[in-house]
Amino acid sequence: MLLARTARLLQHSTRTAACLQRLQRRPPVVTTVQRSFAKKKKKGKGKQPVEAAPATDDAVDIFAELFDAPLIAGLDKTITQLETTLKTMRGGDVNAELFDACAVEAYGDRQPLATVAHVAVASPTLVRISCFDPQLAPAVAKAVADIEGLSLNPNVSGGDVVVPIPRPSKEQRGALAKAAGAAAEEAKKRARNHRRDAHDRLKKASGGVSEDDVRAKKSAIDEMVDEASKKITKLADEKKKAIETRQD
């Protein structure tokens, strides 16, 4: 979504071309950008000046790579980290996503639980994990018990791992809701840091670029960060609602 919005914000204007001409002095894209523009020839007898060629698609892509790509990557990582954190917070709901962050010691390496077992919700208070290799059941049980923040006590039953899910108390749900809000605020802080870094990169590369161009790019940066912040708020609100909903 952010990538698509970025593509719409980048316009093939003469001002963008001027900015790219300045960027051709910055490695490692110097060769590519230099090929994107024709230099003016000096005036001479019988010769007319040659206008600079418009920016090519490749040049505009370089502009996006230098300024927008780091911001987009940072915001995406921030949202993904928040989603992972929120999945480990359980209120009234029980679902397989609780175990998404679980990693099992298997075959000499750490494997995601989903690659070595199938997780099924048997009831609102019980989860059954069926191991593809029954010999891994003890390792799976240990990995489940080690999931931070859940305090689960799994039991091995043949090639399965049975996980009782205790109902959280009202006080526990309240604490989890606060934790979800705190995680969201931390994510928003990281998003603001990404905005600051993007503004700093723009400032360092804005020599010779019009003030209108700089303002337009700052506006685009702010819009992407604001959109990410709204996504963060939505994720936290949905998690709080799920935490406060008790299933019987």
Protein backbone atom coordinates (compact mmCIF):
# COMPACT_ATOMS: atom_id res chain seq x y z
CA MET A 1 0.00 0.00 0.00
CA LEU A 2 2.81 2.39 0.93
CA LEU A 3 4.76 1.45 -2.22
CA ALA A 4 1.77 2.19 -4.43
CA ARG A 5 1.22 5.55 -2.74
CA THR A 6 4.89 6.41 -3.22
CA ALA A 7 4.72 5.63 -6.93
CA ARG A 8 1.84 8.06 -7.32
CA LEU A 9 3.72 10.80 -5.46
CA LEU A 10 6.79 10.67 -7.72
CA GLN A 11 6.08 12.88 -10.76
CA HIS A 12 8.26 13.16 -13.87
CA SER A 13 8.70 16.93 -13.58
CA THR A 14 11.57 19.20 -14.54
CA ARG A 15 12.12 19.93 -10.85
CA THR A 16 12.57 16.23 -10.11
CA ALA A 17 15.03 16.07 -13.00
CA ALA A 18 17.01 18.94 -11.45
CA CYS A 19 17.18 17.08 -8.15
CA LEU A 20 18.37 13.94 -9.90
CA GLN A 21 21.11 15.90 -11.69
CA ARG A 22 22.42 16.89 -8.29
CA LEU A 23 22.20 13.27 -7.10
CA GLN A 24 24.47 12.11 -9.91
CA ARG A 25 27.38 13.37 -7.80
CA ARG A 26 26.44 10.93 -5.01
CA PRO A 27 27.80 7.35 -5.27
CA PRO A 28 26.89 4.58 -5.98
CA VAL A 29 24.48 5.70 -8.72
CA VAL A 30 26.71 8.24 -10.44
CA THR A 31 27.09 6.31 -13.72
CA THR A 32 23.42 5.54 -14.14
CA VAL A 33 22.24 9.08 -13.40
CA GLN A 34 24.80 10.66 -15.70
CA ARG A 35 23.41 8.61 -18.58
CA SER A 36 19.95 9.94 -17.81
CA PHE A 37 20.75 13.56 -18.77
CA ALA A 38 22.33 15.34 -21.69
CA LYS A 39 24.80 18.09 -20.78
CA LYS A 40 24.51 21.55 -22.30
CA LYS A 41 27.19 22.34 -24.84
CA LYS A 42 29.14 25.56 -24.57
CA LYS A 43 28.11 28.33 -26.94
CA GLY A 44 30.34 28.62 -29.93
CA LYS A 45 30.38 29.83 -33.49
CA GLY A 46 27.45 28.36 -35.34
CA LYS A 47 26.40 26.21 -32.41
CA GLN A 48 23.21 26.35 -30.36
CA PRO A 49 22.89 25.22 -26.72
CA VAL A 50 21.32 21.80 -26.22
CA GLU A 51 18.56 21.49 -23.62
CA ALA A 52 18.91 18.81 -20.95
CA ALA A 53 16.92 15.65 -21.62
CA PRO A 54 13.99 14.86 -19.30
CA ALA A 55 14.51 12.37 -16.49
CA THR A 56 14.11 8.74 -17.49
CA ASP A 57 12.15 6.13 -15.59
CA ASP A 58 15.45 4.69 -14.33
CA ALA A 59 16.45 8.07 -12.89
CA VAL A 60 13.14 8.49 -11.10
CA ASP A 61 13.52 4.96 -9.73
CA ILE A 62 16.92 5.98 -8.32
CA PHE A 63 15.29 8.96 -6.60
CA ALA A 64 12.71 6.64 -5.04
CA GLU A 65 15.43 4.20 -3.96
CA LEU A 66 17.51 6.86 -2.22
CA PHE A 67 14.70 8.63 -0.36
CA ASP A 68 11.51 6.56 -0.22
CA ALA A 69 12.71 2.95 -0.08
CA PRO A 70 14.51 3.28 3.31
CA LEU A 71 11.45 4.96 4.83
CA ILE A 72 9.04 2.36 3.47
CA ALA A 73 11.24 -0.51 4.65
CA GLY A 74 11.52 1.02 8.12
CA LEU A 75 7.78 1.58 8.47
CA ASP A 76 6.96 -1.91 7.21
CA LYS A 77 9.39 -3.43 9.72
CA THR A 78 7.89 -1.38 12.54
CA ILE A 79 4.36 -2.57 11.74
CA THR A 80 5.48 -6.19 11.35
CA GLN A 81 7.21 -6.09 14.74
CA LEU A 82 4.07 -4.70 16.36
CA GLU A 83 1.91 -7.39 14.77
CA THR A 84 4.25 -10.07 16.12
CA THR A 85 4.14 -8.57 19.61
CA LEU A 86 0.35 -8.25 19.66
CA LYS A 87 -0.14 -11.87 18.58
CA THR A 88 1.38 -13.06 21.85
CA MET A 89 -1.19 -11.08 23.89
CA ARG A 90 -4.28 -13.14 24.60
CA GLY A 91 -7.47 -11.93 26.17
CA GLY A 92 -10.75 -13.72 25.60
CA ASP A 93 -9.83 -15.17 22.21
CA VAL A 94 -7.85 -18.32 21.45
CA ASN A 95 -6.30 -18.84 18.01
CA ALA A 96 -3.34 -20.47 16.32
CA GLU A 97 -1.65 -17.08 15.87
CA LEU A 98 -0.63 -17.25 19.52
CA PHE A 99 2.09 -19.66 18.42
CA ASP A 100 3.35 -17.79 15.34
CA ALA A 101 6.47 -16.60 17.15
CA CYS A 102 7.25 -20.06 18.54
CA ALA A 103 10.53 -21.62 17.32
CA VAL A 104 11.43 -25.27 17.92
CA GLU A 105 14.88 -26.83 18.25
CA ALA A 106 14.68 -29.48 15.53
CA TYR A 107 17.27 -31.28 13.43
CA GLY A 108 20.11 -29.12 14.70
CA ASP A 109 18.43 -25.81 13.98
CA ARG A 110 15.58 -23.58 15.17
CA GLN A 111 12.47 -24.12 13.06
CA PRO A 112 9.17 -22.19 13.05
CA LEU A 113 6.51 -24.27 14.79
CA ALA A 114 4.34 -24.25 11.65
CA THR A 115 7.04 -26.18 9.74
CA VAL A 116 7.14 -29.10 12.20
CA ALA A 117 3.58 -29.29 13.54
CA HIS A 118 -0.06 -28.37 12.98
CA VAL A 119 -1.81 -26.16 15.55
CA ALA A 120 -5.55 -26.68 16.12
CA VAL A 121 -7.86 -24.93 18.59
CA ALA A 122 -9.85 -27.75 20.20
CA SER A 123 -11.88 -25.46 22.47
CA PRO A 124 -11.71 -21.97 24.01
CA THR A 125 -9.49 -23.46 26.72
CA LEU A 126 -7.49 -26.10 24.83
CA VAL A 127 -5.05 -26.20 21.90
CA ARG A 128 -3.74 -29.42 20.37
CA ILE A 129 -0.45 -29.39 18.45
CA SER A 130 0.11 -32.41 16.18
CA CYS A 131 3.79 -32.97 15.39
CA PHE A 132 4.67 -34.18 11.89
CA ASP A 133 7.53 -36.12 13.50
CA PRO A 134 6.33 -37.60 16.83
CA GLN A 135 9.89 -37.60 18.15
CA LEU A 136 9.80 -33.79 18.15
CA ALA A 137 6.91 -33.61 20.63
CA PRO A 138 9.14 -32.95 23.69
CA ALA A 139 11.01 -30.19 21.84
CA VAL A 140 7.71 -28.63 20.74
CA ALA A 141 6.39 -28.73 24.31
CA LYS A 142 9.52 -26.97 25.57
CA ALA A 143 9.26 -24.31 22.86
CA VAL A 144 5.61 -23.65 23.75
CA ALA A 145 6.42 -23.40 27.45
CA ASP A 146 9.16 -20.87 26.63
CA ILE A 147 6.86 -18.48 24.71
CA GLU A 148 7.32 -15.16 26.48
CA GLY A 149 4.25 -13.64 28.09
CA LEU A 150 1.91 -16.66 27.84
CA SER A 151 2.97 -18.83 30.81
CA LEU A 152 1.66 -22.04 29.23
CA ASN A 153 2.05 -25.56 30.62
CA PRO A 154 1.93 -27.99 27.67
CA ASN A 155 1.68 -31.77 28.06
CA VAL A 156 3.07 -34.40 25.67
CA SER A 157 0.56 -37.04 24.58
CA GLY A 158 2.13 -39.43 22.09
CA GLY A 159 3.05 -37.39 19.03
CA ASP A 160 0.81 -34.50 20.14
CA VAL A 161 1.29 -31.62 22.51
CA VAL A 162 -1.81 -30.64 24.48
CA VAL A 163 -1.84 -27.03 25.68
CA PRO A 164 -4.41 -25.95 28.30
CA ILE A 165 -5.29 -22.28 27.87
CA PRO A 166 -6.40 -20.74 31.18
CA ARG A 167 -8.97 -17.97 31.01
CA PRO A 168 -7.41 -14.64 31.93
CA SER A 169 -8.94 -12.73 34.81
CA LYS A 170 -10.42 -9.26 34.41
CA GLU A 171 -7.25 -7.81 35.94
CA GLN A 172 -5.07 -9.76 33.53
CA ARG A 173 -7.09 -8.58 30.55
CA GLY A 174 -6.76 -5.00 31.74
CA ALA A 175 -3.00 -5.38 32.04
CA LEU A 176 -2.80 -6.89 28.55
CA ALA A 177 -4.84 -4.04 27.08
CA LYS A 178 -2.42 -1.55 28.63
CA ALA A 179 0.52 -3.54 27.26
CA ALA A 180 -1.02 -3.45 23.78
CA GLY A 181 -1.37 0.32 24.02
CA ALA A 182 2.22 0.67 25.20
CA ALA A 183 3.46 -1.48 22.31
CA ALA A 184 1.55 0.73 19.87
CA GLU A 185 3.05 3.91 21.34
CA GLU A 186 6.53 2.43 21.03
CA ALA A 187 5.81 1.57 17.38
CA LYS A 188 4.63 5.14 16.72
CA LYS A 189 7.84 6.44 18.28
CA ARG A 190 9.88 4.30 15.88
CA ALA A 191 7.76 5.58 12.99
CA ARG A 192 8.51 9.18 14.01
CA ASN A 193 12.21 8.33 14.14
CA HIS A 194 11.98 7.02 10.58
CA ARG A 195 10.33 10.31 9.55
CA ARG A 196 13.15 12.29 11.17
CA ASP A 197 15.77 10.18 9.37
CA ALA A 198 13.97 10.68 6.04
CA HIS A 199 13.86 14.46 6.59
CA ASP A 200 17.58 14.42 7.40
CA ARG A 201 18.38 12.52 4.19
CA LEU A 202 16.31 15.01 2.21
CA LYS A 203 18.03 17.98 3.85
CA LYS A 204 21.49 16.63 3.02
CA ALA A 205 20.57 16.15 -0.63
CA SER A 206 18.47 19.27 -1.18
CA GLY A 207 21.21 21.62 -2.39
CA GLY A 208 20.21 23.21 -5.68
CA VAL A 209 16.64 21.92 -5.41
CA SER A 210 13.72 24.34 -5.28
CA GLU A 211 11.95 24.99 -1.98
CA ASP A 212 8.72 23.77 -3.57
CA ASP A 213 10.35 20.41 -4.30
CA VAL A 214 11.63 20.09 -0.75
CA ARG A 215 8.21 20.93 0.71
CA ALA A 216 6.50 18.45 -1.62
CA LYS A 217 8.86 15.66 -0.64
CA LYS A 218 8.49 16.46 3.08
CA SER A 219 4.73 16.34 2.63
CA ALA A 220 5.01 12.93 0.95
CA ILE A 221 7.18 11.64 3.79
CA ASP A 222 4.74 12.93 6.41
CA GLU A 223 1.81 11.35 4.59
CA MET A 224 3.48 7.92 4.57
CA VAL A 225 4.32 8.14 8.27
CA ASP A 226 0.81 9.34 9.15
CA GLU A 227 -0.65 6.40 7.24
CA ALA A 228 1.60 4.00 9.14
CA SER A 229 0.58 5.62 12.43
CA LYS A 230 -3.10 5.08 11.60
CA LYS A 231 -2.36 1.43 10.85
CA ILE A 232 -0.61 1.10 14.21
CA THR A 233 -3.60 2.62 16.01
CA LYS A 234 -5.99 0.27 14.20
CA LEU A 235 -3.93 -2.80 15.13
CA ALA A 236 -3.83 -1.77 18.79
CA ASP A 237 -7.56 -0.99 18.93
CA GLU A 238 -8.43 -4.36 17.38
CA LYS A 239 -6.20 -6.19 19.86
CA LYS A 240 -7.67 -4.30 22.83
CA LYS A 241 -11.17 -5.23 21.69
CA ALA A 242 -10.16 -8.89 21.34
CA ILE A 243 -8.55 -8.85 24.79
CA GLU A 244 -11.65 -7.43 26.42
CA THR A 245 -13.97 -9.93 24.71
CA ARG A 246 -14.41 -13.06 26.80
CA GLN A 247 -15.45 -16.23 25.00
CA ASP A 248 -17.51 -18.85 26.88
